[in-house]
Amino acid sequence: MQIGSYHLKNNLIVAPMAGVTDRPFRQLCKRLGAGMAVSEMVTSNSLLYGSAKTRRRADHAGEVEPVSVQIAGADAIMIGRAAQGRPWLFREMAHFLATGTELARPEVTEIHQL
């Protein structure tokens, strides 16, 4: 099965389910043959503002590609920014994984510069 530039080994796709499709479950499904497993739904605002809970939901470390996240929101610009990844997202995640502490939230001016 082909989705954009991604080739899936089959058409078995695990749908996003709140409280169910966490990373261990997605990894299990892929090991058992799923072509793709979508993570739990996250909101664009939570991704942009760095909620720790959302960060855990969107964490795909150690997963076999392709990875997929369902993003919800009411503002198309915010959803687009969350989908593209914000410039400071990976810096924050790397810092958290290295130190176990969170960086300060980005300033409003930094968000508006995007």
C-alpha atoms as a PDB file:
ATOM      1  CA  MET A   1       0.000   0.000   0.000  1.00  0.00           C
ATOM      2  CA  GLN A   2       1.300   3.471  -0.876  1.00  0.00           C
ATOM      3  CA  ILE A   3       0.434   6.666   1.069  1.00  0.00           C
ATOM      4  CA  GLY A   4       2.257   9.626  -0.427  1.00  0.00           C
ATOM      5  CA  SER A   5       5.945   8.779  -0.423  1.00  0.00           C
ATOM      6  CA  TYR A   6       5.511   6.032   2.187  1.00  0.00           C
ATOM      7  CA  HIS A   7       5.220   2.385   1.234  1.00  0.00           C
ATOM      8  CA  LEU A   8       3.396   0.235   3.793  1.00  0.00           C
ATOM      9  CA  LYS A   9       3.972  -3.508   3.872  1.00  0.00           C
ATOM     10  CA  ASN A  10       0.186  -4.064   3.945  1.00  0.00           C
ATOM     11  CA  ASN A  11      -3.120  -2.230   4.357  1.00  0.00           C
ATOM     12  CA  LEU A  12      -3.548  -2.992   8.081  1.00  0.00           C
ATOM     13  CA  ILE A  13      -3.611   0.368   9.865  1.00  0.00           C
ATOM     14  CA  VAL A  14      -4.248   0.693  13.596  1.00  0.00           C
ATOM     15  CA  ALA A  15      -6.581   3.634  14.179  1.00  0.00           C
ATOM     16  CA  PRO A  16      -5.832   6.251  16.835  1.00  0.00           C
ATOM     17  CA  MET A  17      -7.641   5.406  20.081  1.00  0.00           C
ATOM     18  CA  ALA A  18      -7.461   7.608  23.179  1.00  0.00           C
ATOM     19  CA  GLY A  19      -5.929   5.762  26.088  1.00  0.00           C
ATOM     20  CA  VAL A  20      -5.051   2.755  23.917  1.00  0.00           C
ATOM     21  CA  THR A  21      -2.587   3.536  21.131  1.00  0.00           C
ATOM     22  CA  ASP A  22       0.385   4.521  23.253  1.00  0.00           C
ATOM     23  CA  ARG A  23       3.929   3.717  22.103  1.00  0.00           C
ATOM     24  CA  PRO A  24       4.141   0.163  23.555  1.00  0.00           C
ATOM     25  CA  PHE A  25       0.799  -0.747  21.952  1.00  0.00           C
ATOM     26  CA  ARG A  26       1.833   0.716  18.569  1.00  0.00           C
ATOM     27  CA  GLN A  27       5.128  -1.176  18.700  1.00  0.00           C
ATOM     28  CA  LEU A  28       3.289  -4.410  19.531  1.00  0.00           C
ATOM     29  CA  CYS A  29       0.858  -3.911  16.649  1.00  0.00           C
ATOM     30  CA  LYS A  30       3.704  -3.300  14.204  1.00  0.00           C
ATOM     31  CA  ARG A  31       5.545  -6.384  15.470  1.00  0.00           C
ATOM     32  CA  LEU A  32       2.381  -8.409  14.929  1.00  0.00           C
ATOM     33  CA  GLY A  33       2.093  -7.208  11.335  1.00  0.00           C
ATOM     34  CA  ALA A  34       0.336  -3.831  11.165  1.00  0.00           C
ATOM     35  CA  GLY A  35       1.544  -1.717   8.250  1.00  0.00           C
ATOM     36  CA  MET A  36       1.087   1.459  10.283  1.00  0.00           C
ATOM     37  CA  ALA A  37      -0.133   2.427  13.755  1.00  0.00           C
ATOM     38  CA  VAL A  38      -1.406   5.951  14.433  1.00  0.00           C
ATOM     39  CA  SER A  39      -0.782   7.493  17.846  1.00  0.00           C
ATOM     40  CA  GLU A  40      -3.438   8.892  20.130  1.00  0.00           C
ATOM     41  CA  MET A  41      -4.956  12.213  19.115  1.00  0.00           C
ATOM     42  CA  VAL A  42      -3.071  15.302  20.240  1.00  0.00           C
ATOM     43  CA  THR A  43      -4.183  18.910  19.960  1.00  0.00           C
ATOM     44  CA  SER A  44      -2.192  21.420  17.973  1.00  0.00           C
ATOM     45  CA  ASN A  45      -2.069  23.915  20.844  1.00  0.00           C
ATOM     46  CA  SER A  46      -0.657  21.304  23.225  1.00  0.00           C
ATOM     47  CA  LEU A  47       2.039  20.380  20.696  1.00  0.00           C
ATOM     48  CA  LEU A  48       2.965  24.009  20.154  1.00  0.00           C
ATOM     49  CA  TYR A  49       3.067  24.916  23.829  1.00  0.00           C
ATOM     50  CA  GLY A  50       4.892  21.801  24.983  1.00  0.00           C
ATOM     51  CA  SER A  51       2.507  19.887  27.244  1.00  0.00           C
ATOM     52  CA  ALA A  52       4.437  17.012  28.852  1.00  0.00           C
ATOM     53  CA  LYS A  53       1.447  14.678  28.416  1.00  0.00           C
ATOM     54  CA  THR A  54       1.195  15.558  24.725  1.00  0.00           C
ATOM     55  CA  ARG A  55       4.943  15.131  24.320  1.00  0.00           C
ATOM     56  CA  ARG A  56       4.629  11.577  25.638  1.00  0.00           C
ATOM     57  CA  ARG A  57       1.721  10.857  23.286  1.00  0.00           C
ATOM     58  CA  ALA A  58       3.626  12.135  20.261  1.00  0.00           C
ATOM     59  CA  ASP A  59       6.882  10.356  21.179  1.00  0.00           C
ATOM     60  CA  HIS A  60       7.808   7.807  18.508  1.00  0.00           C
ATOM     61  CA  ALA A  61      11.348   7.046  19.684  1.00  0.00           C
ATOM     62  CA  GLY A  62      12.347   3.500  18.782  1.00  0.00           C
ATOM     63  CA  GLU A  63       9.371   2.891  16.493  1.00  0.00           C
ATOM     64  CA  VAL A  64       9.601   1.436  13.020  1.00  0.00           C
ATOM     65  CA  GLU A  65       8.623   3.916  10.294  1.00  0.00           C
ATOM     66  CA  PRO A  66       6.284   5.182   9.147  1.00  0.00           C
ATOM     67  CA  VAL A  67       5.071   7.032  12.223  1.00  0.00           C
ATOM     68  CA  SER A  68       1.780   8.886  12.298  1.00  0.00           C
ATOM     69  CA  VAL A  69       0.120  11.300  14.708  1.00  0.00           C
ATOM     70  CA  GLN A  70      -3.489  12.465  14.597  1.00  0.00           C
ATOM     71  CA  ILE A  71      -3.557  16.234  15.219  1.00  0.00           C
ATOM     72  CA  ALA A  72      -6.785  18.037  16.132  1.00  0.00           C
ATOM     73  CA  GLY A  73      -7.494  21.717  16.545  1.00  0.00           C
ATOM     74  CA  ALA A  74      -9.742  24.631  15.664  1.00  0.00           C
ATOM     75  CA  ASP A  75      -7.179  26.963  14.081  1.00  0.00           C
ATOM     76  CA  ALA A  76      -5.795  25.875  10.698  1.00  0.00           C
ATOM     77  CA  ILE A  77      -2.572  27.861  11.177  1.00  0.00           C
ATOM     78  CA  MET A  78      -1.891  26.258  14.560  1.00  0.00           C
ATOM     79  CA  ILE A  79      -2.598  22.785  13.133  1.00  0.00           C
ATOM     80  CA  GLY A  80      -0.239  23.478  10.238  1.00  0.00           C
ATOM     81  CA  ARG A  81       2.516  24.655  12.563  1.00  0.00           C
ATOM     82  CA  ALA A  82       2.067  21.599  14.776  1.00  0.00           C
ATOM     83  CA  ALA A  83       2.182  19.293  11.737  1.00  0.00           C
ATOM     84  CA  GLN A  84       5.349  20.922  10.399  1.00  0.00           C
ATOM     85  CA  GLY A  85       7.014  20.770  13.758  1.00  0.00           C
ATOM     86  CA  ARG A  86       7.956  23.910  15.563  1.00  0.00           C
ATOM     87  CA  PRO A  87      11.585  24.957  15.571  1.00  0.00           C
ATOM     88  CA  TRP A  88      11.948  24.536  19.328  1.00  0.00           C
ATOM     89  CA  LEU A  89      10.087  21.200  19.662  1.00  0.00           C
ATOM     90  CA  PHE A  90      13.079  18.943  19.049  1.00  0.00           C
ATOM     91  CA  ARG A  91      15.325  21.138  21.207  1.00  0.00           C
ATOM     92  CA  GLU A  92      12.841  20.754  24.080  1.00  0.00           C
ATOM     93  CA  MET A  93      12.495  17.005  23.605  1.00  0.00           C
ATOM     94  CA  ALA A  94      16.273  16.484  23.458  1.00  0.00           C
ATOM     95  CA  HIS A  95      16.710  18.587  26.583  1.00  0.00           C
ATOM     96  CA  PHE A  96      13.993  16.659  28.432  1.00  0.00           C
ATOM     97  CA  LEU A  97      15.423  13.268  27.459  1.00  0.00           C
ATOM     98  CA  ALA A  98      18.947  14.332  28.432  1.00  0.00           C
ATOM     99  CA  THR A  99      18.144  16.029  31.745  1.00  0.00           C
ATOM    100  CA  GLY A 100      14.618  15.028  32.772  1.00  0.00           C
ATOM    101  CA  THR A 101      13.692  18.692  33.123  1.00  0.00           C
ATOM    102  CA  GLU A 102      11.573  20.868  30.894  1.00  0.00           C
ATOM    103  CA  LEU A 103      12.705  24.023  29.150  1.00  0.00           C
ATOM    104  CA  ALA A 104      10.730  27.208  29.667  1.00  0.00           C
ATOM    105  CA  ARG A 105       7.820  27.721  27.285  1.00  0.00           C
ATOM    106  CA  PRO A 106       8.670  29.807  24.211  1.00  0.00           C
ATOM    107  CA  GLU A 107       7.980  33.518  24.358  1.00  0.00           C
ATOM    108  CA  VAL A 108       4.923  34.803  22.498  1.00  0.00           C
ATOM    109  CA  THR A 109       7.207  36.744  20.159  1.00  0.00           C
ATOM    110  CA  GLU A 110       9.052  33.538  19.268  1.00  0.00           C
ATOM    111  CA  ILE A 111       5.771  31.830  18.401  1.00  0.00           C
ATOM    112  CA  HIS A 112       4.613  34.743  16.240  1.00  0.00           C
ATOM    113  CA  GLN A 113       7.904  34.782  14.318  1.00  0.00           C
ATOM    114  CA  LEU A 114       6.937  31.544  12.577  1.00  0.00           C
END
